[in-house]
Amino acid sequence: MDLSAVTSSSLSSNSSPSASSTSWFSGIVRGRADGSGSGKMASSAAAADNVSPINRKKQFQGVMFKYGPKPIQVAFKTGDYKQQVIFIGGLTDGFLATEYLEPLAIALDKEKWSLVQFLLSSSYSGYGTSSLREDAIEIDQLINYLINKEDSEGVVLLGHSTGCQDIVHYMRTNAACSRAVRAAIFQAPVSDREYRATLPETAAMIDLASKMISEGRESELMPREANPDAPITASRYHSLSAYNGEDDMFSSDLSDDQLRMRLGHMSNTPCQIIFSMADEYVPDYVDKKALVDRLCRAMGGAEKVEIEWGNHALSNRVQEAVQAIIDFVKREGPKGWDDPWS
C-alpha cells in the first residue's frame, strides 16, 4: 500500500493549501459544507488555508509517507518546508515519543522548519532484534527520501536517549546522505550499560549473552527475564549491557581517550548536548556535571545545555527543552551543507 500521500488521523491531516484542495477527506467536508449551507463548516474549510502543525492537543497535521521498502518504514512530517529536524527516539519509542514534540513542531513551523518523526525496524518492541547498523541504514534511506522527494536543503538530527547512539553511529558511517546533516542534538545521551548494571539480573545475563555469541548463536533470543519489555537477541543484549559494547558510548567510567574514540568524529558537525540533571536513568553515583563536560569535550566542543530537575524525557521541563532546541536550530541550521550528490 502506498502511504506517500496526505492522510487524516489523530496524527495527520493536511500540510499545505495545495494538499488540502486535493485531499479526498477535505473534499467530503467541503462538499457537506456547500450542500448544507452551514456557516461553521464553511469557515472550517476556509481555515484549512492557514494550517497549523497542531490541530488540537496531541493531534498533529501533516503528511505521512513511506521512505523505504519495509512495512515499518513510515514517516510523518509536519510543515511543508525544505529544512527538516528529524527526531530519533530511544528504546520502545515510536510516534509522539516525548511531550516536547508538540510545542516543538509549532516552534519549528514558525521558523520555516519541518519536524519529521519516523518508524525504524527498531521502533517500539523491535529494538531487541535490531541493531545500530540497521538503524543507520534506515536513517540514510529517510534522508535520501527527503533529498530526492522533498528537495531537502539539509537536516538536523535530534536524538532522544538511545537515539543519540544512532546519531553517533550513523555519522561514523560517512554515508553519502550524512553530508546533508547540518547539526546534531543529543537529548539525554545516557549509558544503557550503567543503568542496566543497577538491575539484579544483568551480570548473569551478560555472561549468558557472551557465551551464546562465542557459540555463534548471537541472533538467538535471550531468556525473557533478560529483557521483559521485548524479545532481545544475544548480540543486542550484549551491545546494550556489556562494557565496550557497540551501544556503550556515554558511560561515565570510560576514559577520555575512549570517549574520543567513540565520539571524536562528531567534531566535524555542530553538536548540542541537552542533559537532564535529574535523569532517572543515570545512577546516583554518576557526577552528571562532570560527565556532560567530558562528553562535550570528546565531541570537539559541543554546546552544553544543563536542565536542572529535568527528567529523562524532559516531560517536566518541556518549554526549556523546546527553547534550547529552537535556539540551536536557528543558530546552526542556516549554515551551509555539502550537497551529497556533488
Protein backbone atom coordinates (compact mmCIF):
# COMPACT_ATOMS: atom_id res chain seq x y z
CA MET A 1 0.00 0.00 0.00
CA ASP A 2 1.38 3.41 -0.95
CA LEU A 3 1.32 5.73 2.05
CA SER A 4 3.19 8.58 0.35
CA ALA A 5 0.10 10.77 0.41
CA VAL A 6 -1.76 13.05 2.75
CA THR A 7 -3.56 11.14 5.50
CA SER A 8 -6.14 12.15 8.06
CA SER A 9 -5.90 10.83 11.60
CA SER A 10 -5.07 11.89 15.13
CA LEU A 11 -1.51 12.25 13.85
CA SER A 12 -2.06 13.89 10.49
CA SER A 13 -4.25 15.90 8.21
CA ASN A 14 -3.36 18.43 5.52
CA SER A 15 0.06 20.05 5.47
CA SER A 16 -0.48 22.82 2.91
CA PRO A 17 -3.20 24.63 0.95
CA SER A 18 -2.43 22.59 -2.15
CA ALA A 19 -2.69 19.36 -0.19
CA SER A 20 -5.99 20.41 1.37
CA SER A 21 -7.55 21.05 -2.03
CA THR A 22 -6.78 17.56 -3.28
CA SER A 23 -7.44 15.51 -0.14
CA TRP A 24 -10.44 13.20 -0.53
CA PHE A 25 -11.32 13.85 3.10
CA SER A 26 -11.29 17.63 2.77
CA GLY A 27 -13.36 17.24 -0.39
CA ILE A 28 -16.06 15.43 1.59
CA VAL A 29 -16.00 18.10 4.30
CA ARG A 30 -16.18 20.93 1.79
CA GLY A 31 -18.95 19.16 -0.12
CA ARG A 32 -21.05 18.78 3.03
CA ALA A 33 -20.42 22.40 3.91
CA ASP A 34 -21.54 23.62 0.49
CA GLY A 35 -24.62 21.38 0.48
CA SER A 36 -25.85 22.24 3.93
CA GLY A 37 -25.06 25.92 3.87
CA SER A 38 -23.53 25.60 7.31
CA GLY A 39 -21.51 28.71 8.15
CA LYS A 40 -19.48 26.74 10.66
CA MET A 41 -18.41 24.12 8.10
CA ALA A 42 -17.63 26.76 5.50
CA SER A 43 -15.46 28.70 7.92
CA SER A 44 -13.66 25.46 8.86
CA ALA A 45 -12.86 24.85 5.21
CA ALA A 46 -11.56 28.37 4.81
CA ALA A 47 -9.41 27.93 7.90
CA ALA A 48 -7.67 24.99 6.21
CA ASP A 49 -5.81 27.57 4.12
CA ASN A 50 -3.82 28.51 7.23
CA VAL A 51 -2.92 25.13 8.67
CA SER A 52 -1.04 24.82 11.96
CA PRO A 53 1.09 21.71 12.61
CA ILE A 54 -1.08 21.04 15.69
CA ASN A 55 -4.85 20.79 15.26
CA ARG A 56 -5.65 20.25 18.93
CA LYS A 57 -3.70 18.73 21.80
CA LYS A 58 -1.87 15.58 20.73
CA GLN A 59 -3.22 15.87 17.17
CA PHE A 60 -0.59 16.64 14.54
CA GLN A 61 -1.37 17.75 10.98
CA GLY A 62 1.00 16.86 8.19
CA VAL A 63 1.99 14.25 5.62
CA MET A 64 2.58 10.54 6.23
CA PHE A 65 4.79 8.72 3.74
CA LYS A 66 6.86 5.58 3.23
CA TYR A 67 10.58 6.20 2.99
CA GLY A 68 11.85 2.64 2.50
CA PRO A 69 10.81 -0.84 1.36
CA LYS A 70 9.91 -2.36 4.75
CA PRO A 71 6.33 -2.07 6.03
CA ILE A 72 7.58 -0.39 9.23
CA GLN A 73 9.40 2.37 7.33
CA VAL A 74 6.79 5.09 7.67
CA ALA A 75 7.46 8.74 8.46
CA PHE A 76 5.30 11.71 9.40
CA LYS A 77 6.20 15.31 8.55
CA THR A 78 4.64 18.48 9.95
CA GLY A 79 5.23 21.67 7.98
CA ASP A 80 5.98 21.83 4.27
CA TYR A 81 9.49 23.24 4.30
CA LYS A 82 12.83 22.35 2.73
CA GLN A 83 14.69 22.11 6.05
CA GLN A 84 13.84 19.31 8.46
CA VAL A 85 14.55 18.36 12.06
CA ILE A 86 14.49 14.55 12.26
CA PHE A 87 13.54 13.14 15.66
CA ILE A 88 15.16 9.79 16.51
CA GLY A 89 13.61 8.16 19.56
CA GLY A 90 15.01 5.73 22.08
CA LEU A 91 14.17 2.17 23.10
CA THR A 92 10.41 1.40 22.82
CA ASP A 93 9.74 4.80 21.19
CA GLY A 94 7.73 5.50 18.04
CA PHE A 95 5.47 8.37 17.03
CA LEU A 96 4.73 11.08 19.65
CA ALA A 97 7.51 9.74 21.85
CA THR A 98 8.09 12.82 24.04
CA GLU A 99 5.90 15.62 25.39
CA TYR A 100 8.06 18.33 23.83
CA LEU A 101 7.41 17.23 20.23
CA GLU A 102 4.05 19.02 20.06
CA PRO A 103 5.30 22.51 21.03
CA LEU A 104 8.50 21.85 19.08
CA ALA A 105 6.50 21.28 15.88
CA ILE A 106 4.76 24.62 16.40
CA ALA A 107 8.00 26.46 17.15
CA LEU A 108 9.79 24.93 14.15
CA ASP A 109 6.89 25.84 11.88
CA LYS A 110 7.33 29.50 12.85
CA GLU A 111 10.98 29.24 11.79
CA LYS A 112 10.08 27.52 8.47
CA TRP A 113 11.43 24.13 9.52
CA SER A 114 9.57 20.81 9.33
CA LEU A 115 9.58 18.19 12.07
CA VAL A 116 9.92 14.59 10.88
CA GLN A 117 9.03 11.64 13.12
CA PHE A 118 9.62 8.17 11.70
CA LEU A 119 9.49 4.48 12.49
CA LEU A 120 12.54 2.22 12.29
CA SER A 121 12.74 -1.54 12.39
CA SER A 122 13.89 -0.97 15.97
CA SER A 123 10.88 1.15 16.97
CA TYR A 124 8.52 0.07 19.76
CA SER A 125 9.38 -3.56 20.66
CA GLY A 126 11.64 -4.05 17.64
CA TYR A 127 14.83 -2.77 19.26
CA GLY A 128 15.74 -6.17 20.68
CA THR A 129 16.07 -7.81 17.27
CA SER A 130 17.65 -4.84 15.51
CA SER A 131 21.00 -3.02 15.74
CA LEU A 132 22.67 0.36 15.37
CA ARG A 133 23.86 -0.73 11.93
CA GLU A 134 20.33 -1.39 10.74
CA ASP A 135 19.15 1.91 12.22
CA ALA A 136 21.91 3.76 10.35
CA ILE A 137 20.85 2.23 7.04
CA GLU A 138 17.25 3.29 7.60
CA ILE A 139 18.20 6.80 8.70
CA ASP A 140 20.16 7.17 5.48
CA GLN A 141 17.13 5.98 3.49
CA LEU A 142 14.97 8.61 5.17
CA ILE A 143 17.40 11.45 4.41
CA ASN A 144 17.71 10.12 0.85
CA TYR A 145 13.92 10.34 0.50
CA LEU A 146 13.84 13.89 1.86
CA ILE A 147 16.53 14.99 -0.58
CA ASN A 148 15.03 13.29 -3.65
CA LYS A 149 11.30 13.65 -2.97
CA GLU A 150 11.07 16.74 -0.77
CA ASP A 151 14.00 18.77 -2.16
CA SER A 152 15.54 18.98 1.28
CA GLU A 153 18.18 21.65 1.78
CA GLY A 154 19.58 19.99 4.88
CA VAL A 155 18.53 18.27 8.10
CA VAL A 156 19.23 18.48 11.82
CA LEU A 157 19.22 15.18 13.71
CA LEU A 158 17.56 15.24 17.14
CA GLY A 159 18.26 12.11 19.17
CA HIS A 160 16.49 11.18 22.39
CA SER A 161 18.07 8.60 24.70
CA THR A 162 19.28 5.62 22.65
CA GLY A 163 18.52 7.71 19.56
CA CYS A 164 21.71 9.56 20.47
CA GLN A 165 23.68 6.36 19.82
CA ASP A 166 22.01 6.15 16.42
CA ILE A 167 23.30 9.61 15.51
CA VAL A 168 26.86 8.80 16.57
CA HIS A 169 26.84 5.51 14.67
CA TYR A 170 25.22 6.97 11.55
CA MET A 171 27.65 9.88 11.31
CA ARG A 172 30.57 7.46 11.65
CA THR A 173 29.42 5.56 8.56
CA ASN A 174 30.15 8.61 6.42
CA ALA A 175 27.24 7.59 4.18
CA ALA A 176 26.56 9.92 1.25
CA CYS A 177 23.43 11.41 2.79
CA SER A 178 25.17 12.07 6.11
CA ARG A 179 26.69 15.09 4.38
CA ALA A 180 23.22 16.66 4.41
CA VAL A 181 23.29 16.72 8.24
CA ARG A 182 23.81 20.32 9.26
CA ALA A 183 23.85 19.73 13.01
CA ALA A 184 23.06 17.16 15.71
CA ILE A 185 21.24 17.48 19.02
CA PHE A 186 21.68 14.90 21.77
CA GLN A 187 18.84 14.95 24.30
CA ALA A 188 19.53 12.59 27.22
CA PRO A 189 22.67 10.83 25.96
CA VAL A 190 22.94 8.34 28.81
CA SER A 191 24.56 4.97 29.30
CA ASP A 192 22.27 1.97 28.82
CA ARG A 193 25.05 -0.14 30.32
CA GLU A 194 25.32 1.84 33.55
CA TYR A 195 21.55 1.83 34.04
CA ARG A 196 21.24 -1.90 33.33
CA ALA A 197 24.08 -2.59 35.77
CA THR A 198 21.72 -1.48 38.55
CA LEU A 199 19.36 -4.38 37.75
CA PRO A 200 19.99 -7.64 39.65
CA GLU A 201 19.83 -10.00 36.67
CA THR A 202 22.21 -8.11 34.37
CA ALA A 203 25.57 -9.67 35.30
CA ALA A 204 24.38 -13.24 34.77
CA MET A 205 22.65 -12.31 31.54
CA ILE A 206 25.77 -10.64 30.15
CA ASP A 207 27.65 -13.89 30.80
CA LEU A 208 24.94 -15.84 29.01
CA ALA A 209 24.93 -13.44 26.05
CA SER A 210 28.72 -13.67 25.76
CA LYS A 211 28.54 -17.47 25.81
CA MET A 212 25.84 -17.52 23.12
CA ILE A 213 27.88 -15.15 20.93
CA SER A 214 31.01 -17.31 21.32
CA GLU A 215 28.97 -20.30 20.16
CA GLY A 216 27.76 -18.49 17.05
CA ARG A 217 24.24 -18.01 18.46
CA GLU A 218 24.29 -14.22 18.56
CA SER A 219 20.98 -13.97 16.66
CA GLU A 220 19.11 -16.26 19.05
CA LEU A 221 16.81 -14.79 21.68
CA MET A 222 17.76 -14.37 25.31
CA PRO A 223 15.51 -15.68 28.13
CA ARG A 224 12.50 -13.48 28.81
CA GLU A 225 13.86 -12.34 32.19
CA ALA A 226 16.82 -10.72 30.44
CA ASN A 227 14.56 -8.06 28.94
CA PRO A 228 10.88 -8.30 29.90
CA ASP A 229 9.87 -5.36 27.67
CA ALA A 230 10.67 -7.03 24.35
CA PRO A 231 12.36 -10.08 22.79
CA ILE A 232 16.09 -9.45 22.54
CA THR A 233 18.92 -11.28 20.80
CA ALA A 234 22.20 -12.13 22.48
CA SER A 235 24.07 -9.65 20.29
CA ARG A 236 21.72 -6.74 21.04
CA TYR A 237 21.68 -7.51 24.76
CA HIS A 238 25.48 -7.59 24.80
CA SER A 239 25.61 -4.34 22.80
CA LEU A 240 23.41 -2.53 25.32
CA SER A 241 24.65 -4.10 28.55
CA ALA A 242 28.31 -5.09 28.27
CA TYR A 243 31.39 -2.97 28.80
CA ASN A 244 32.67 -1.74 25.44
CA GLY A 245 29.52 -2.99 23.71
CA GLU A 246 28.50 -1.34 20.44
CA ASP A 247 25.99 0.89 22.29
CA ASP A 248 28.44 1.80 25.06
CA MET A 249 29.15 5.43 24.13
CA PHE A 250 28.22 7.67 27.07
CA SER A 251 29.34 5.74 30.16
CA SER A 252 30.96 7.73 32.95
CA ASP A 253 33.67 5.10 33.55
CA LEU A 254 35.08 5.37 30.02
CA SER A 255 38.37 7.24 29.85
CA ASP A 256 38.72 10.49 27.93
CA ASP A 257 40.57 8.63 25.19
CA GLN A 258 37.81 6.02 24.96
CA LEU A 259 35.18 8.74 24.69
CA ARG A 260 37.16 10.49 21.96
CA MET A 261 37.46 7.23 20.03
CA ARG A 262 33.67 6.84 20.15
CA LEU A 263 32.58 10.44 19.75
CA GLY A 264 35.50 12.34 18.24
CA HIS A 265 34.20 12.21 14.66
CA MET A 266 31.24 14.36 15.76
CA SER A 267 33.66 17.32 15.97
CA ASN A 268 33.05 17.80 12.23
CA THR A 269 29.35 18.55 12.91
CA PRO A 270 27.88 21.31 15.11
CA CYS A 271 26.53 19.49 18.17
CA GLN A 272 24.41 20.30 21.18
CA ILE A 273 24.07 18.13 24.29
CA ILE A 274 20.92 18.65 26.37
CA PHE A 275 21.47 16.87 29.67
CA SER A 276 18.76 16.33 32.29
CA MET A 277 20.29 16.87 35.69
CA ALA A 278 17.65 14.67 37.37
CA ASP A 279 17.64 11.92 34.74
CA GLU A 280 16.19 8.83 36.39
CA TYR A 281 18.22 6.53 34.10
CA VAL A 282 21.56 7.89 35.31
CA PRO A 283 22.73 6.14 38.50
CA ASP A 284 23.11 8.34 41.58
CA TYR A 285 26.86 7.75 41.77
CA VAL A 286 27.46 9.45 38.42
CA ASP A 287 28.69 13.06 38.55
CA LYS A 288 26.37 14.45 35.87
CA LYS A 289 28.08 17.81 35.52
CA ALA A 290 31.48 16.20 35.06
CA LEU A 291 30.06 13.66 32.60
CA VAL A 292 28.38 16.19 30.34
CA ASP A 293 31.56 18.29 30.29
CA ARG A 294 33.57 15.24 29.21
CA LEU A 295 31.06 14.32 26.51
CA CYS A 296 31.18 17.85 25.11
CA ARG A 297 34.98 17.80 25.01
CA ALA A 298 35.01 14.37 23.35
CA MET A 299 32.81 15.81 20.57
CA GLY A 300 35.28 18.62 19.97
CA GLY A 301 33.45 21.31 21.93
CA ALA A 302 29.73 20.56 21.69
CA GLU A 303 27.33 23.13 23.10
CA LYS A 304 26.18 22.21 26.61
CA VAL A 305 22.68 22.69 27.99
CA GLU A 306 22.06 21.52 31.56
CA ILE A 307 18.38 21.40 32.55
CA GLU A 308 18.05 21.42 36.32
CA TRP A 309 15.50 18.95 37.71
CA GLY A 310 14.76 17.74 34.20
CA ASN A 311 13.77 14.08 33.87
CA HIS A 312 14.89 11.72 31.12
CA ALA A 313 12.26 12.75 28.55
CA LEU A 314 12.03 16.34 29.84
CA SER A 315 8.27 15.93 30.33
CA ASN A 316 8.62 18.22 33.36
CA ARG A 317 10.70 20.83 31.51
CA VAL A 318 9.03 20.98 28.09
CA GLN A 319 9.42 24.69 27.40
CA GLU A 320 13.09 24.68 28.39
CA ALA A 321 13.69 21.78 26.03
CA VAL A 322 11.93 23.47 23.11
CA GLN A 323 13.73 26.77 23.70
CA ALA A 324 17.15 25.10 23.76
CA ILE A 325 16.44 23.16 20.55
CA ILE A 326 14.99 26.16 18.69
CA ASP A 327 17.86 28.46 19.67
CA PHE A 328 20.37 25.90 18.41
CA VAL A 329 18.50 25.21 15.15
CA LYS A 330 18.15 28.94 14.41
CA ARG A 331 21.86 29.47 15.01
CA GLU A 332 23.36 26.38 13.35
CA GLY A 333 20.65 25.39 10.84
CA PRO A 334 21.19 28.20 8.29
CA LYS A 335 24.86 27.33 7.85
CA GLY A 336 25.92 25.72 4.61
CA TRP A 337 25.92 22.00 3.95
CA ASP A 338 27.57 19.65 1.47
CA ASP A 339 25.38 18.54 -1.41
CA PRO A 340 25.56 14.74 -1.03
CA TRP A 341 25.17 14.32 -4.79
CA SER A 342 28.00 16.64 -5.81
